[in-house]
Protein backbone atom coordinates (compact mmCIF):
# COMPACT_ATOMS: atom_id res chain seq x y z
CA MET A 1 -0.19 -14.37 15.54
CA PRO A 2 -0.81 -16.48 12.76
CA SER A 3 -3.67 -19.08 13.28
CA ASP A 4 -2.64 -22.94 13.39
CA ASN A 5 -5.55 -23.71 11.33
CA PRO A 6 -3.74 -23.66 7.53
CA LYS A 7 -7.75 -23.13 6.02
CA LYS A 8 -8.66 -20.15 8.13
CA LYS A 9 -8.36 -16.96 6.37
CA LYS A 10 -5.38 -14.89 7.65
CA ARG A 11 -5.40 -10.90 7.58
CA ILE A 12 -2.87 -8.27 6.18
CA LEU A 13 -3.63 -4.78 7.35
CA PHE A 14 -2.00 -2.23 5.23
CA LEU A 15 -1.39 1.35 6.88
CA CYS A 16 -0.93 4.53 5.65
CA THR A 17 -1.81 8.19 6.94
CA GLY A 18 -5.19 8.92 5.08
CA ASN A 19 -6.38 5.32 4.00
CA TYR A 20 -7.32 6.86 0.70
CA TYR A 21 -4.61 6.19 -1.77
CA ARG A 22 -1.53 3.82 -0.89
CA SER A 23 -3.12 1.28 1.70
CA ARG A 24 -6.19 1.23 -0.18
CA PHE A 25 -4.20 0.36 -3.53
CA ALA A 26 -1.93 -2.25 -1.40
CA GLU A 27 -5.35 -3.90 -0.05
CA ILE A 28 -7.04 -4.18 -3.42
CA PHE A 29 -3.54 -5.44 -4.83
CA PHE A 30 -2.84 -7.64 -2.56
CA ASN A 31 -6.42 -9.45 -2.36
CA TRP A 32 -6.62 -9.57 -6.25
CA HIS A 33 -2.89 -11.23 -6.26
CA ALA A 34 -3.55 -13.39 -3.19
CA GLY A 35 -6.62 -14.83 -5.00
CA GLN A 36 -5.20 -15.37 -8.31
CA ARG A 37 -2.20 -17.55 -6.13
CA GLY A 38 -4.89 -19.13 -3.86
CA LEU A 39 -3.50 -17.87 -0.51
CA VAL A 40 -5.82 -17.84 2.56
CA TRP A 41 -4.51 -14.20 3.08
CA SER A 42 -6.75 -11.23 2.55
CA ALA A 43 -5.86 -7.71 3.32
CA GLU A 44 -7.76 -4.77 4.82
CA SER A 45 -6.40 -1.31 5.22
CA ARG A 46 -6.63 1.64 7.53
CA GLY A 47 -5.35 5.14 8.24
CA LEU A 48 -3.38 6.49 11.05
CA ALA A 49 -4.32 10.20 10.78
CA LEU A 50 -7.34 10.97 9.04
CA ASP A 51 -7.52 14.61 9.14
CA GLY A 52 -10.06 15.73 6.35
CA CYS A 53 -7.67 16.19 3.76
CA ASN A 54 -9.20 13.33 1.53
CA TYR A 55 -11.43 14.14 -1.37
CA GLY A 56 -13.95 11.19 -1.54
CA PRO A 57 -13.81 7.55 -0.61
CA ILE A 58 -10.64 6.50 -2.88
CA SER A 59 -8.27 8.22 -4.66
CA ARG A 60 -8.62 8.61 -8.29
CA HIS A 61 -4.90 7.76 -8.79
CA THR A 62 -5.69 4.26 -7.10
CA ILE A 63 -8.63 3.84 -9.34
CA SER A 64 -6.47 4.53 -12.24
CA ARG A 65 -3.66 2.18 -11.52
CA LEU A 66 -6.23 -0.36 -10.73
CA LYS A 67 -7.62 0.02 -14.13
CA GLU A 68 -4.50 -0.25 -16.03
CA GLN A 69 -3.53 -3.38 -13.97
CA GLY A 70 -6.78 -4.55 -14.99
CA ILE A 71 -8.11 -5.08 -11.75
CA ALA A 72 -11.51 -4.31 -10.78
CA SER A 73 -12.27 -1.55 -8.26
CA GLU A 74 -16.20 -2.08 -7.98
CA GLY A 75 -17.21 -2.34 -4.39
CA CYS A 76 -14.03 -0.29 -3.08
CA ASP A 77 -15.83 2.92 -2.78
CA ARG A 78 -15.93 2.77 1.03
CA PHE A 79 -14.73 6.11 2.75
CA PRO A 80 -11.34 5.89 4.57
CA LEU A 81 -11.22 4.07 7.78
CA PRO A 82 -9.34 4.74 10.91
CA LEU A 83 -7.19 2.46 12.63
CA SER A 84 -8.17 1.14 15.88
CA GLU A 85 -6.46 -1.33 18.67
CA ALA A 86 -9.08 -4.05 17.42
CA ASP A 87 -7.73 -3.59 13.77
CA LEU A 88 -4.21 -4.29 14.93
CA ALA A 89 -5.10 -7.06 17.61
CA ALA A 90 -7.27 -9.01 14.46
CA ALA A 91 -4.46 -8.64 12.07
CA ASP A 92 -1.67 -11.79 11.55
CA HIS A 93 0.49 -9.43 9.78
CA ILE A 94 0.73 -5.31 9.52
CA VAL A 95 2.30 -3.10 6.81
CA ALA A 96 2.79 0.47 7.13
CA VAL A 97 3.68 1.57 3.68
CA LYS A 98 5.87 4.50 4.74
CA GLU A 99 8.18 4.15 7.89
CA ALA A 100 9.34 7.60 8.12
CA GLU A 101 5.66 8.67 7.97
CA HIS A 102 4.16 6.22 9.90
CA ARG A 103 6.50 4.69 12.60
CA PRO A 104 6.10 8.06 14.39
CA LEU A 105 2.41 8.05 13.88
CA VAL A 106 2.34 4.50 15.44
CA GLU A 107 4.51 5.14 18.28
CA MET A 108 2.23 8.12 19.28
CA LYS A 109 -0.82 6.50 18.90
CA PHE A 110 -0.32 2.54 19.50
CA PRO A 111 3.34 2.49 20.96
CA LYS A 112 2.81 -1.19 22.20
CA TRP A 113 2.66 -2.22 18.22
CA ARG A 114 5.71 -0.78 17.00
CA ASP A 115 7.86 -3.50 16.83
CA ASP A 116 4.78 -5.77 15.29
CA ILE A 117 4.77 -3.82 12.18
CA GLU A 118 6.57 -4.19 8.83
CA TYR A 119 7.55 -0.81 7.46
CA TRP A 120 8.06 -0.15 3.79
CA HIS A 121 9.14 3.00 2.24
CA VAL A 122 6.77 4.18 -0.46
CA HIS A 123 6.10 7.84 -0.91
CA ASP A 124 2.96 9.68 -0.70
CA LEU A 125 2.24 12.70 -3.45
CA ASP A 126 4.23 14.79 -1.39
CA CYS A 127 7.37 13.35 -2.23
CA ALA A 128 6.58 11.00 -5.38
CA THR A 129 4.36 11.02 -8.51
CA PRO A 130 1.74 8.30 -8.74
CA ASP A 131 3.88 6.73 -11.86
CA ASP A 132 6.81 6.45 -9.19
CA ALA A 133 4.95 5.37 -6.20
CA MET A 134 2.65 3.06 -7.54
CA PRO A 135 4.83 0.92 -9.21
CA HIS A 136 6.95 0.53 -6.06
CA LEU A 137 4.23 -0.13 -3.94
CA GLU A 138 3.21 -2.82 -6.58
CA SER A 139 6.69 -4.46 -6.24
CA GLU A 140 6.43 -4.53 -2.60
CA VAL A 141 3.09 -5.94 -2.56
CA LEU A 142 4.22 -8.59 -4.99
CA ARG A 143 7.28 -9.49 -2.88
CA LEU A 144 4.88 -10.23 0.01
CA VAL A 145 2.74 -12.28 -1.92
CA GLU A 146 5.45 -14.22 -2.96
CA ARG A 147 6.94 -14.48 0.67
CA LEU A 148 3.57 -15.69 2.02
CA ALA A 149 2.98 -18.20 -1.16
CA ARG A 150 6.38 -19.63 -0.15
CA LEU A 151 5.69 -19.98 3.52
CA ALA A 152 2.30 -21.90 2.29
CA ALA A 153 4.19 -24.17 -0.11
């Protein structure tokens, strides 16, 4: 639930499968744009099914796209984090980046939260290249930033 205190930071939680590529990009991209707009929102990200398929702390595609956008990725080298009930409870808004992939994981692991999550339709590497998926993800994040800016006005 959003806080009644307009000065208190509010938390967006981005979810994807491995917390390595899409959700990490959404977190960093959102935080940069929210900061530019002076929003009281900050993002974090988590993974629904960390299964050892990640090859380090963050995808090279994520780093590359951030660099293309002129957004610093220093300090973003933490390893992927698994989603917990506490993460969900601490969030003011939750976004899973691909409904077909993430709704079943949410329903299996965190069923009471399934209706509290906004679902997008951004493909992972198995269905789209970064040249297709990243602009789509950027567009979704920017729409969210704009929506939150309008609510704050």
